[in-house]
């Protein structure tokens, strides 16, 4: 960190050493007209808590992100995962391991 007219110093984040942080990344594969499944709704349940994300690559004016959903977790398992595809069809998965990227195809 730069301090004006003072000596610079360095900050180091040690929070990941104290907490057991995990993740699950989900890549949705849609159909030919919508290969990234834009508009899909994903709900994930782990340790009695639900998380929800909407598949969109737009994050602001003239900016975008990769078409992979990222869920932060504290548990080592995902109880269930539900994808509601843009056409209304539903896919379900259960008992998923964490710390990986999974691909779900319509």
PDB file of N, CA and C in Angstrom:
ATOM      1  N   UNK A   1       0.849  -1.157   0.000  1.00  0.00           N
ATOM      2  CA  UNK A   1       0.000   0.000   0.000  1.00  0.00           C
ATOM      3  C   UNK A   1       0.899   1.226   0.000  1.00  0.00           C
ATOM      4  N   UNK A   2       0.578   2.147  -0.856  1.00  0.00           N
ATOM      5  CA  UNK A   2       1.371   3.360  -0.950  1.00  0.00           C
ATOM      6  C   UNK A   2       0.768   4.437  -0.048  1.00  0.00           C
ATOM      7  N   UNK A   3       1.587   5.024   0.760  1.00  0.00           N
ATOM      8  CA  UNK A   3       1.163   6.114   1.648  1.00  0.00           C
ATOM      9  C   UNK A   3       1.900   7.377   1.232  1.00  0.00           C
ATOM     10  N   UNK A   4       1.169   8.400   0.908  1.00  0.00           N
ATOM     11  CA  UNK A   4       1.790   9.638   0.448  1.00  0.00           C
ATOM     12  C   UNK A   4       2.662  10.224   1.549  1.00  0.00           C
ATOM     13  N   UNK A   5       3.903  10.519   1.187  1.00  0.00           N
ATOM     14  CA  UNK A   5       4.900  11.107   2.097  1.00  0.00           C
ATOM     15  C   UNK A   5       5.199  10.229   3.307  1.00  0.00           C
ATOM     16  N   UNK A   6       4.928   8.924   3.195  1.00  0.00           N
ATOM     17  CA  UNK A   6       5.252   7.985   4.268  1.00  0.00           C
ATOM     18  C   UNK A   6       5.813   6.711   3.642  1.00  0.00           C
ATOM     19  N   UNK A   7       6.343   5.855   4.488  1.00  0.00           N
ATOM     20  CA  UNK A   7       6.865   4.583   4.023  1.00  0.00           C
ATOM     21  C   UNK A   7       5.710   3.677   3.584  1.00  0.00           C
ATOM     22  N   UNK A   8       5.876   2.989   2.462  1.00  0.00           N
ATOM     23  CA  UNK A   8       4.855   2.064   1.968  1.00  0.00           C
ATOM     24  C   UNK A   8       4.842   0.810   2.843  1.00  0.00           C
ATOM     25  N   UNK A   9       3.680   0.153   2.934  1.00  0.00           N
ATOM     26  CA  UNK A   9       3.607  -1.105   3.667  1.00  0.00           C
ATOM     27  C   UNK A   9       2.733  -2.091   2.920  1.00  0.00           C
ATOM     28  N   UNK A  10       2.822  -3.349   3.309  1.00  0.00           N
ATOM     29  CA  UNK A  10       2.147  -4.449   2.626  1.00  0.00           C
ATOM     30  C   UNK A  10       1.096  -5.064   3.540  1.00  0.00           C
ATOM     31  N   UNK A  11      -0.114  -5.286   2.995  1.00  0.00           N
ATOM     32  CA  UNK A  11      -1.186  -5.964   3.725  1.00  0.00           C
ATOM     33  C   UNK A  11      -1.316  -7.380   3.172  1.00  0.00           C
ATOM     34  N   UNK A  12      -1.499  -8.350   4.036  1.00  0.00           N
ATOM     35  CA  UNK A  12      -1.640  -9.737   3.608  1.00  0.00           C
ATOM     36  C   UNK A  12      -2.913 -10.326   4.214  1.00  0.00           C
ATOM     37  N   UNK A  13      -3.720 -10.956   3.383  1.00  0.00           N
ATOM     38  CA  UNK A  13      -4.989 -11.529   3.810  1.00  0.00           C
ATOM     39  C   UNK A  13      -4.772 -12.972   4.282  1.00  0.00           C
ATOM     40  N   UNK A  14      -5.058 -13.247   5.541  1.00  0.00           N
ATOM     41  CA  UNK A  14      -4.909 -14.582   6.115  1.00  0.00           C
ATOM     42  C   UNK A  14      -6.259 -15.232   6.421  1.00  0.00           C
ATOM     43  N   UNK A  15      -7.342 -14.661   5.949  1.00  0.00           N
ATOM     44  CA  UNK A  15      -8.668 -15.172   6.294  1.00  0.00           C
ATOM     45  C   UNK A  15      -8.910 -16.580   5.773  1.00  0.00           C
ATOM     46  N   UNK A  16      -8.316 -16.949   4.641  1.00  0.00           N
ATOM     47  CA  UNK A  16      -8.546 -18.294   4.106  1.00  0.00           C
ATOM     48  C   UNK A  16      -7.877 -19.372   4.963  1.00  0.00           C
ATOM     49  N   UNK A  17      -6.902 -19.016   5.761  1.00  0.00           N
ATOM     50  CA  UNK A  17      -6.258 -19.982   6.643  1.00  0.00           C
ATOM     51  C   UNK A  17      -7.126 -20.292   7.858  1.00  0.00           C
ATOM     52  N   UNK A  18      -7.962 -19.337   8.262  1.00  0.00           N
ATOM     53  CA  UNK A  18      -8.810 -19.516   9.431  1.00  0.00           C
ATOM     54  C   UNK A  18     -10.117 -20.215   9.091  1.00  0.00           C
ATOM     55  N   UNK A  19     -10.650 -19.974   7.906  1.00  0.00           N
ATOM     56  CA  UNK A  19     -11.942 -20.527   7.511  1.00  0.00           C
ATOM     57  C   UNK A  19     -11.757 -21.684   6.534  1.00  0.00           C
ATOM     58  N   UNK A  20     -12.698 -22.584   6.531  1.00  0.00           N
ATOM     59  CA  UNK A  20     -12.702 -23.671   5.563  1.00  0.00           C
ATOM     60  C   UNK A  20     -13.581 -23.250   4.391  1.00  0.00           C
ATOM     61  N   UNK A  21     -12.987 -22.561   3.435  1.00  0.00           N
ATOM     62  CA  UNK A  21     -13.726 -22.053   2.294  1.00  0.00           C
ATOM     63  C   UNK A  21     -13.685 -23.041   1.139  1.00  0.00           C
ATOM     64  N   UNK A  22     -14.817 -23.230   0.494  1.00  0.00           N
ATOM     65  CA  UNK A  22     -14.926 -24.114  -0.657  1.00  0.00           C
ATOM     66  C   UNK A  22     -15.749 -23.415  -1.730  1.00  0.00           C
ATOM     67  N   UNK A  23     -15.826 -24.029  -2.892  1.00  0.00           N
ATOM     68  CA  UNK A  23     -16.574 -23.434  -3.991  1.00  0.00           C
ATOM     69  C   UNK A  23     -17.159 -24.529  -4.865  1.00  0.00           C
ATOM     70  N   UNK A  24     -18.100 -24.149  -5.683  1.00  0.00           N
ATOM     71  CA  UNK A  24     -18.610 -24.986  -6.760  1.00  0.00           C
ATOM     72  C   UNK A  24     -18.867 -24.058  -7.928  1.00  0.00           C
ATOM     73  N   UNK A  25     -18.240 -24.350  -9.052  1.00  0.00           N
ATOM     74  CA  UNK A  25     -18.436 -23.561 -10.269  1.00  0.00           C
ATOM     75  C   UNK A  25     -19.263 -24.385 -11.234  1.00  0.00           C
ATOM     76  N   UNK A  26     -20.232 -23.745 -11.872  1.00  0.00           N
ATOM     77  CA  UNK A  26     -21.168 -24.449 -12.738  1.00  0.00           C
ATOM     78  C   UNK A  26     -21.150 -23.833 -14.122  1.00  0.00           C
ATOM     79  N   UNK A  27     -20.824 -24.667 -15.112  1.00  0.00           N
ATOM     80  CA  UNK A  27     -20.865 -24.244 -16.514  1.00  0.00           C
ATOM     81  C   UNK A  27     -22.092 -24.877 -17.142  1.00  0.00           C
ATOM     82  N   UNK A  28     -23.006 -24.039 -17.588  1.00  0.00           N
ATOM     83  CA  UNK A  28     -24.237 -24.523 -18.208  1.00  0.00           C
ATOM     84  C   UNK A  28     -24.054 -24.599 -19.713  1.00  0.00           C
ATOM     85  N   UNK A  29     -24.492 -25.710 -20.300  1.00  0.00           N
ATOM     86  CA  UNK A  29     -24.436 -25.879 -21.748  1.00  0.00           C
ATOM     87  C   UNK A  29     -25.859 -25.938 -22.269  1.00  0.00           C
ATOM     88  N   UNK A  30     -26.258 -24.869 -22.941  1.00  0.00           N
ATOM     89  CA  UNK A  30     -27.595 -24.793 -23.495  1.00  0.00           C
ATOM     90  C   UNK A  30     -27.659 -25.408 -24.881  1.00  0.00           C
ATOM     91  N   UNK A  31     -28.587 -24.909 -25.672  1.00  0.00           N
ATOM     92  CA  UNK A  31     -28.747 -25.408 -27.024  1.00  0.00           C
ATOM     93  C   UNK A  31     -28.148 -24.424 -28.021  1.00  0.00           C
ATOM     94  N   UNK A  32     -28.245 -24.733 -29.309  1.00  0.00           N
ATOM     95  CA  UNK A  32     -27.538 -23.977 -30.341  1.00  0.00           C
ATOM     96  C   UNK A  32     -27.868 -22.484 -30.364  1.00  0.00           C
ATOM     97  N   UNK A  33     -29.104 -22.099 -30.141  1.00  0.00           N
ATOM     98  CA  UNK A  33     -29.453 -20.674 -30.165  1.00  0.00           C
ATOM     99  C   UNK A  33     -29.030 -19.947 -28.891  1.00  0.00           C
ATOM    100  N   UNK A  34     -28.794 -20.680 -27.808  1.00  0.00           N
ATOM    101  CA  UNK A  34     -28.407 -20.097 -26.529  1.00  0.00           C
ATOM    102  C   UNK A  34     -27.379 -21.025 -25.865  1.00  0.00           C
ATOM    103  N   UNK A  35     -26.159 -21.101 -26.413  1.00  0.00           N
ATOM    104  CA  UNK A  35     -25.184 -22.089 -25.916  1.00  0.00           C
ATOM    105  C   UNK A  35     -24.739 -21.879 -24.476  1.00  0.00           C
ATOM    106  N   UNK A  36     -24.800 -20.640 -23.963  1.00  0.00           N
ATOM    107  CA  UNK A  36     -24.385 -20.378 -22.580  1.00  0.00           C
ATOM    108  C   UNK A  36     -25.559 -20.388 -21.606  1.00  0.00           C
ATOM    109  N   UNK A  37     -26.747 -20.763 -22.099  1.00  0.00           N
ATOM    110  CA  UNK A  37     -27.959 -20.860 -21.270  1.00  0.00           C
ATOM    111  C   UNK A  37     -28.267 -19.551 -20.546  1.00  0.00           C
ATOM    112  N   UNK A  38     -28.114 -18.430 -21.243  1.00  0.00           N
ATOM    113  CA  UNK A  38     -28.418 -17.129 -20.666  1.00  0.00           C
ATOM    114  C   UNK A  38     -29.899 -17.114 -20.251  1.00  0.00           C
ATOM    115  N   UNK A  39     -30.156 -16.731 -19.020  1.00  0.00           N
ATOM    116  CA  UNK A  39     -31.518 -16.700 -18.500  1.00  0.00           C
ATOM    117  C   UNK A  39     -31.851 -17.881 -17.607  1.00  0.00           C
ATOM    118  N   UNK A  40     -30.956 -18.856 -17.505  1.00  0.00           N
ATOM    119  CA  UNK A  40     -31.194 -19.998 -16.620  1.00  0.00           C
ATOM    120  C   UNK A  40     -31.102 -19.548 -15.164  1.00  0.00           C
ATOM    121  N   UNK A  41     -31.865 -20.209 -14.298  1.00  0.00           N
ATOM    122  CA  UNK A  41     -31.871 -19.909 -12.865  1.00  0.00           C
ATOM    123  C   UNK A  41     -31.336 -21.124 -12.130  1.00  0.00           C
ATOM    124  N   UNK A  42     -30.325 -20.918 -11.298  1.00  0.00           N
ATOM    125  CA  UNK A  42     -29.682 -22.022 -10.576  1.00  0.00           C
ATOM    126  C   UNK A  42     -29.840 -21.792  -9.080  1.00  0.00           C
ATOM    127  N   UNK A  43     -30.375 -22.803  -8.399  1.00  0.00           N
ATOM    128  CA  UNK A  43     -30.505 -22.771  -6.944  1.00  0.00           C
ATOM    129  C   UNK A  43     -29.706 -23.925  -6.377  1.00  0.00           C
ATOM    130  N   UNK A  44     -28.896 -23.640  -5.366  1.00  0.00           N
ATOM    131  CA  UNK A  44     -28.013 -24.622  -4.737  1.00  0.00           C
ATOM    132  C   UNK A  44     -28.343 -24.676  -3.247  1.00  0.00           C
ATOM    133  N   UNK A  45     -28.433 -25.889  -2.684  1.00  0.00           N
ATOM    134  CA  UNK A  45     -28.683 -26.077  -1.251  1.00  0.00           C
ATOM    135  C   UNK A  45     -27.496 -26.800  -0.634  1.00  0.00           C
ATOM    136  N   UNK A  46     -26.978 -26.240   0.455  1.00  0.00           N
ATOM    137  CA  UNK A  46     -25.865 -26.849   1.182  1.00  0.00           C
ATOM    138  C   UNK A  46     -25.988 -26.466   2.646  1.00  0.00           C
ATOM    139  N   UNK A  47     -25.932 -27.451   3.532  1.00  0.00           N
ATOM    140  CA  UNK A  47     -26.010 -27.241   4.978  1.00  0.00           C
ATOM    141  C   UNK A  47     -27.236 -26.424   5.390  1.00  0.00           C
ATOM    142  N   UNK A  48     -28.367 -26.717   4.775  1.00  0.00           N
ATOM    143  CA  UNK A  48     -29.609 -26.060   5.141  1.00  0.00           C
ATOM    144  C   UNK A  48     -29.774 -24.638   4.613  1.00  0.00           C
ATOM    145  N   UNK A  49     -28.830 -24.171   3.832  1.00  0.00           N
ATOM    146  CA  UNK A  49     -28.880 -22.817   3.270  1.00  0.00           C
ATOM    147  C   UNK A  49     -29.020 -22.908   1.750  1.00  0.00           C
ATOM    148  N   UNK A  50     -29.759 -21.970   1.176  1.00  0.00           N
ATOM    149  CA  UNK A  50     -29.942 -21.924  -0.269  1.00  0.00           C
ATOM    150  C   UNK A  50     -29.217 -20.714  -0.845  1.00  0.00           C
ATOM    151  N   UNK A  51     -28.671 -20.897  -2.045  1.00  0.00           N
ATOM    152  CA  UNK A  51     -28.076 -19.802  -2.800  1.00  0.00           C
ATOM    153  C   UNK A  51     -28.696 -19.814  -4.190  1.00  0.00           C
ATOM    154  N   UNK A  52     -28.860 -18.636  -4.776  1.00  0.00           N
ATOM    155  CA  UNK A  52     -29.500 -18.525  -6.077  1.00  0.00           C
ATOM    156  C   UNK A  52     -28.673 -17.618  -6.976  1.00  0.00           C
ATOM    157  N   UNK A  53     -28.565 -18.013  -8.251  1.00  0.00           N
ATOM    158  CA  UNK A  53     -27.934 -17.150  -9.240  1.00  0.00           C
ATOM    159  C   UNK A  53     -28.676 -17.254 -10.560  1.00  0.00           C
ATOM    160  N   UNK A  54     -28.628 -16.172 -11.298  1.00  0.00           N
ATOM    161  CA  UNK A  54     -29.256 -16.061 -12.610  1.00  0.00           C
ATOM    162  C   UNK A  54     -28.134 -15.990 -13.640  1.00  0.00           C
ATOM    163  N   UNK A  55     -28.163 -16.849 -14.649  1.00  0.00           N
ATOM    164  CA  UNK A  55     -27.094 -16.901 -15.649  1.00  0.00           C
ATOM    165  C   UNK A  55     -27.167 -15.692 -16.569  1.00  0.00           C
ATOM    166  N   UNK A  56     -26.171 -14.829 -16.460  1.00  0.00           N
ATOM    167  CA  UNK A  56     -26.067 -13.641 -17.291  1.00  0.00           C
ATOM    168  C   UNK A  56     -24.597 -13.286 -17.409  1.00  0.00           C
ATOM    169  N   UNK A  57     -24.163 -12.884 -18.566  1.00  0.00           N
ATOM    170  CA  UNK A  57     -22.760 -12.503 -18.727  1.00  0.00           C
ATOM    171  C   UNK A  57     -22.570 -10.989 -18.669  1.00  0.00           C
ATOM    172  N   UNK A  58     -23.659 -10.242 -18.550  1.00  0.00           N
ATOM    173  CA  UNK A  58     -23.582  -8.788 -18.525  1.00  0.00           C
ATOM    174  C   UNK A  58     -23.460  -8.302 -17.084  1.00  0.00           C
ATOM    175  N   UNK A  59     -22.485  -7.444 -16.827  1.00  0.00           N
ATOM    176  CA  UNK A  59     -22.278  -6.913 -15.490  1.00  0.00           C
ATOM    177  C   UNK A  59     -22.225  -5.388 -15.465  1.00  0.00           C
ATOM    178  N   UNK A  60     -22.597  -4.764 -16.537  1.00  0.00           N
ATOM    179  CA  UNK A  60     -22.577  -3.310 -16.588  1.00  0.00           C
ATOM    180  C   UNK A  60     -22.437  -2.850 -18.024  1.00  0.00           C
ATOM    181  N   UNK A  61     -22.369  -1.570 -18.198  1.00  0.00           N
ATOM    182  CA  UNK A  61     -22.253  -0.989 -19.528  1.00  0.00           C
ATOM    183  C   UNK A  61     -20.929  -1.399 -20.163  1.00  0.00           C
ATOM    184  N   UNK A  62     -20.995  -2.071 -21.286  1.00  0.00           N
ATOM    185  CA  UNK A  62     -19.837  -2.515 -22.060  1.00  0.00           C
ATOM    186  C   UNK A  62     -18.902  -3.440 -21.270  1.00  0.00           C
ATOM    187  N   UNK A  63     -19.427  -4.211 -20.324  1.00  0.00           N
ATOM    188  CA  UNK A  63     -18.576  -5.166 -19.601  1.00  0.00           C
ATOM    189  C   UNK A  63     -19.290  -6.506 -19.516  1.00  0.00           C
ATOM    190  N   UNK A  64     -18.508  -7.555 -19.432  1.00  0.00           N
ATOM    191  CA  UNK A  64     -19.087  -8.890 -19.313  1.00  0.00           C
ATOM    192  C   UNK A  64     -18.160  -9.773 -18.492  1.00  0.00           C
ATOM    193  N   UNK A  65     -18.667 -10.932 -18.107  1.00  0.00           N
ATOM    194  CA  UNK A  65     -17.908 -11.907 -17.329  1.00  0.00           C
ATOM    195  C   UNK A  65     -18.028 -13.270 -18.000  1.00  0.00           C
ATOM    196  N   UNK A  66     -17.222 -14.218 -17.553  1.00  0.00           N
ATOM    197  CA  UNK A  66     -17.285 -15.558 -18.129  1.00  0.00           C
ATOM    198  C   UNK A  66     -18.632 -16.203 -17.812  1.00  0.00           C
ATOM    199  N   UNK A  67     -19.107 -17.095 -18.676  1.00  0.00           N
ATOM    200  CA  UNK A  67     -20.422 -17.712 -18.466  1.00  0.00           C
ATOM    201  C   UNK A  67     -20.370 -18.923 -17.527  1.00  0.00           C
ATOM    202  N   UNK A  68     -19.719 -18.749 -16.375  1.00  0.00           N
ATOM    203  CA  UNK A  68     -19.634 -19.805 -15.366  1.00  0.00           C
ATOM    204  C   UNK A  68     -20.112 -19.212 -14.043  1.00  0.00           C
ATOM    205  N   UNK A  69     -21.051 -19.896 -13.392  1.00  0.00           N
ATOM    206  CA  UNK A  69     -21.567 -19.432 -12.101  1.00  0.00           C
ATOM    207  C   UNK A  69     -20.643 -19.919 -10.990  1.00  0.00           C
ATOM    208  N   UNK A  70     -20.354 -19.059 -10.030  1.00  0.00           N
ATOM    209  CA  UNK A  70     -19.450 -19.391  -8.928  1.00  0.00           C
ATOM    210  C   UNK A  70     -20.213 -19.264  -7.613  1.00  0.00           C
ATOM    211  N   UNK A  71     -20.260 -20.357  -6.859  1.00  0.00           N
ATOM    212  CA  UNK A  71     -20.900 -20.368  -5.544  1.00  0.00           C
ATOM    213  C   UNK A  71     -19.824 -20.579  -4.486  1.00  0.00           C
ATOM    214  N   UNK A  72     -19.790 -19.712  -3.475  1.00  0.00           N
ATOM    215  CA  UNK A  72     -18.888 -19.875  -2.352  1.00  0.00           C
ATOM    216  C   UNK A  72     -19.574 -20.703  -1.270  1.00  0.00           C
ATOM    217  N   UNK A  73     -18.856 -21.676  -0.702  1.00  0.00           N
ATOM    218  CA  UNK A  73     -19.433 -22.615   0.266  1.00  0.00           C
ATOM    219  C   UNK A  73     -18.531 -22.789   1.468  1.00  0.00           C
ATOM    220  N   UNK A  74     -19.122 -23.201   2.585  1.00  0.00           N
ATOM    221  CA  UNK A  74     -18.331 -23.564   3.760  1.00  0.00           C
ATOM    222  C   UNK A  74     -18.350 -25.070   3.991  1.00  0.00           C
ATOM    223  N   UNK A  75     -19.355 -25.767   3.484  1.00  0.00           N
ATOM    224  CA  UNK A  75     -19.456 -27.213   3.657  1.00  0.00           C
ATOM    225  C   UNK A  75     -18.686 -27.967   2.576  1.00  0.00           C
ATOM    226  N   UNK A  76     -18.549 -29.283   2.776  1.00  0.00           N
ATOM    227  CA  UNK A  76     -17.803 -30.113   1.830  1.00  0.00           C
ATOM    228  C   UNK A  76     -18.692 -30.850   0.848  1.00  0.00           C
ATOM    229  N   UNK A  77     -20.003 -30.646   0.945  1.00  0.00           N
ATOM    230  CA  UNK A  77     -20.956 -31.287   0.034  1.00  0.00           C
ATOM    231  C   UNK A  77     -22.048 -30.303  -0.332  1.00  0.00           C
ATOM    232  N   UNK A  78     -22.591 -30.482  -1.527  1.00  0.00           N
ATOM    233  CA  UNK A  78     -23.774 -29.747  -1.958  1.00  0.00           C
ATOM    234  C   UNK A  78     -24.915 -30.738  -1.913  1.00  0.00           C
ATOM    235  N   UNK A  79     -25.928 -30.442  -1.111  1.00  0.00           N
ATOM    236  CA  UNK A  79     -27.058 -31.359  -0.964  1.00  0.00           C
ATOM    237  C   UNK A  79     -27.804 -31.521  -2.282  1.00  0.00           C
ATOM    238  N   UNK A  80     -28.172 -30.417  -2.908  1.00  0.00           N
ATOM    239  CA  UNK A  80     -28.862 -30.503  -4.193  1.00  0.00           C
ATOM    240  C   UNK A  80     -28.673 -29.222  -4.987  1.00  0.00           C
ATOM    241  N   UNK A  81     -28.902 -29.369  -6.275  1.00  0.00           N
ATOM    242  CA  UNK A  81     -28.741 -28.278  -7.218  1.00  0.00           C
ATOM    243  C   UNK A  81     -29.872 -28.375  -8.226  1.00  0.00           C
ATOM    244  N   UNK A  82     -30.550 -27.250  -8.479  1.00  0.00           N
ATOM    245  CA  UNK A  82     -31.643 -27.240  -9.448  1.00  0.00           C
ATOM    246  C   UNK A  82     -31.391 -26.159 -10.478  1.00  0.00           C
ATOM    247  N   UNK A  83     -31.525 -26.527 -11.748  1.00  0.00           N
ATOM    248  CA  UNK A  83     -31.391 -25.579 -12.852  1.00  0.00           C
ATOM    249  C   UNK A  83     -32.746 -25.471 -13.530  1.00  0.00           C
ATOM    250  N   UNK A  84     -33.263 -24.250 -13.614  1.00  0.00           N
ATOM    251  CA  UNK A  84     -34.464 -23.987 -14.401  1.00  0.00           C
ATOM    252  C   UNK A  84     -33.970 -23.329 -15.684  1.00  0.00           C
ATOM    253  N   UNK A  85     -34.041 -24.063 -16.780  1.00  0.00           N
ATOM    254  CA  UNK A  85     -33.539 -23.597 -18.071  1.00  0.00           C
ATOM    255  C   UNK A  85     -34.449 -22.496 -18.623  1.00  0.00           C
ATOM    256  N   UNK A  86     -33.952 -21.691 -19.561  1.00  0.00           N
ATOM    257  CA  UNK A  86     -34.757 -20.598 -20.101  1.00  0.00           C
ATOM    258  C   UNK A  86     -36.102 -21.031 -20.694  1.00  0.00           C
ATOM    259  N   UNK A  87     -36.205 -22.269 -21.163  1.00  0.00           N
ATOM    260  CA  UNK A  87     -37.485 -22.736 -21.725  1.00  0.00           C
ATOM    261  C   UNK A  87     -38.413 -23.341 -20.668  1.00  0.00           C
ATOM    262  N   UNK A  88     -37.996 -23.316 -19.384  1.00  0.00           N
ATOM    263  CA  UNK A  88     -38.837 -23.806 -18.294  1.00  0.00           C
ATOM    264  C   UNK A  88     -38.552 -25.222 -17.851  1.00  0.00           C
ATOM    265  N   UNK A  89     -37.757 -25.982 -18.602  1.00  0.00           N
ATOM    266  CA  UNK A  89     -37.414 -27.344 -18.178  1.00  0.00           C
ATOM    267  C   UNK A  89     -36.496 -27.284 -16.967  1.00  0.00           C
ATOM    268  N   UNK A  90     -36.523 -28.356 -16.165  1.00  0.00           N
ATOM    269  CA  UNK A  90     -35.774 -28.384 -14.907  1.00  0.00           C
ATOM    270  C   UNK A  90     -34.817 -29.564 -14.887  1.00  0.00           C
ATOM    271  N   UNK A  91     -33.578 -29.311 -14.431  1.00  0.00           N
ATOM    272  CA  UNK A  91     -32.577 -30.352 -14.196  1.00  0.00           C
ATOM    273  C   UNK A  91     -32.232 -30.343 -12.718  1.00  0.00           C
ATOM    274  N   UNK A  92     -32.048 -31.539 -12.146  1.00  0.00           N
ATOM    275  CA  UNK A  92     -31.685 -31.636 -10.728  1.00  0.00           C
ATOM    276  C   UNK A  92     -30.479 -32.538 -10.563  1.00  0.00           C
ATOM    277  N   UNK A  93     -29.614 -32.190  -9.610  1.00  0.00           N
ATOM    278  CA  UNK A  93     -28.459 -32.998  -9.234  1.00  0.00           C
ATOM    279  C   UNK A  93     -28.409 -33.026  -7.713  1.00  0.00           C
ATOM    280  N   UNK A  94     -27.922 -34.129  -7.154  1.00  0.00           N
ATOM    281  CA  UNK A  94     -27.823 -34.238  -5.697  1.00  0.00           C
ATOM    282  C   UNK A  94     -26.452 -34.758  -5.287  1.00  0.00           C
ATOM    283  N   UNK A  95     -26.097 -34.491  -4.029  1.00  0.00           N
ATOM    284  CA  UNK A  95     -24.885 -35.013  -3.403  1.00  0.00           C
ATOM    285  C   UNK A  95     -23.628 -34.744  -4.240  1.00  0.00           C
ATOM    286  N   UNK A  96     -23.354 -33.462  -4.482  1.00  0.00           N
ATOM    287  CA  UNK A  96     -22.205 -33.070  -5.296  1.00  0.00           C
ATOM    288  C   UNK A  96     -21.011 -32.721  -4.420  1.00  0.00           C
ATOM    289  N   UNK A  97     -19.821 -33.088  -4.872  1.00  0.00           N
ATOM    290  CA  UNK A  97     -18.594 -32.688  -4.194  1.00  0.00           C
ATOM    291  C   UNK A  97     -18.288 -31.226  -4.512  1.00  0.00           C
ATOM    292  N   UNK A  98     -17.550 -30.564  -3.621  1.00  0.00           N
ATOM    293  CA  UNK A  98     -17.203 -29.159  -3.818  1.00  0.00           C
ATOM    294  C   UNK A  98     -15.796 -29.042  -4.404  1.00  0.00           C
ATOM    295  N   UNK A  99     -15.340 -27.815  -4.581  1.00  0.00           N
ATOM    296  CA  UNK A  99     -14.017 -27.501  -5.108  1.00  0.00           C
ATOM    297  C   UNK A  99     -13.785 -28.094  -6.495  1.00  0.00           C
ATOM    298  N   UNK A 100     -14.768 -27.890  -7.359  1.00  0.00           N
ATOM    299  CA  UNK A 100     -14.655 -28.372  -8.737  1.00  0.00           C
ATOM    300  C   UNK A 100     -15.527 -27.533  -9.653  1.00  0.00           C
ATOM    301  N   UNK A 101     -15.309 -27.700 -10.948  1.00  0.00           N
ATOM    302  CA  UNK A 101     -16.159 -27.095 -11.961  1.00  0.00           C
ATOM    303  C   UNK A 101     -16.979 -28.227 -12.562  1.00  0.00           C
ATOM    304  N   UNK A 102     -18.299 -28.099 -12.526  1.00  0.00           N
ATOM    305  CA  UNK A 102     -19.145 -29.115 -13.138  1.00  0.00           C
ATOM    306  C   UNK A 102     -19.832 -28.528 -14.365  1.00  0.00           C
ATOM    307  N   UNK A 103     -20.085 -29.374 -15.310  1.00  0.00           N
ATOM    308  CA  UNK A 103     -20.750 -28.958 -16.543  1.00  0.00           C
ATOM    309  C   UNK A 103     -22.109 -29.629 -16.573  1.00  0.00           C
ATOM    310  N   UNK A 104     -23.147 -28.836 -16.729  1.00  0.00           N
ATOM    311  CA  UNK A 104     -24.508 -29.371 -16.784  1.00  0.00           C
ATOM    312  C   UNK A 104     -25.064 -29.071 -18.158  1.00  0.00           C
ATOM    313  N   UNK A 105     -25.462 -30.123 -18.841  1.00  0.00           N
ATOM    314  CA  UNK A 105     -25.985 -29.990 -20.197  1.00  0.00           C
ATOM    315  C   UNK A 105     -27.473 -30.155 -20.196  1.00  0.00           C
ATOM    316  N   UNK A 106     -28.161 -29.343 -20.984  1.00  0.00           N
ATOM    317  CA  UNK A 106     -29.609 -29.409 -21.063  1.00  0.00           C
ATOM    318  C   UNK A 106     -30.046 -30.692 -21.711  1.00  0.00           C
TER     319      UNK A 106
END
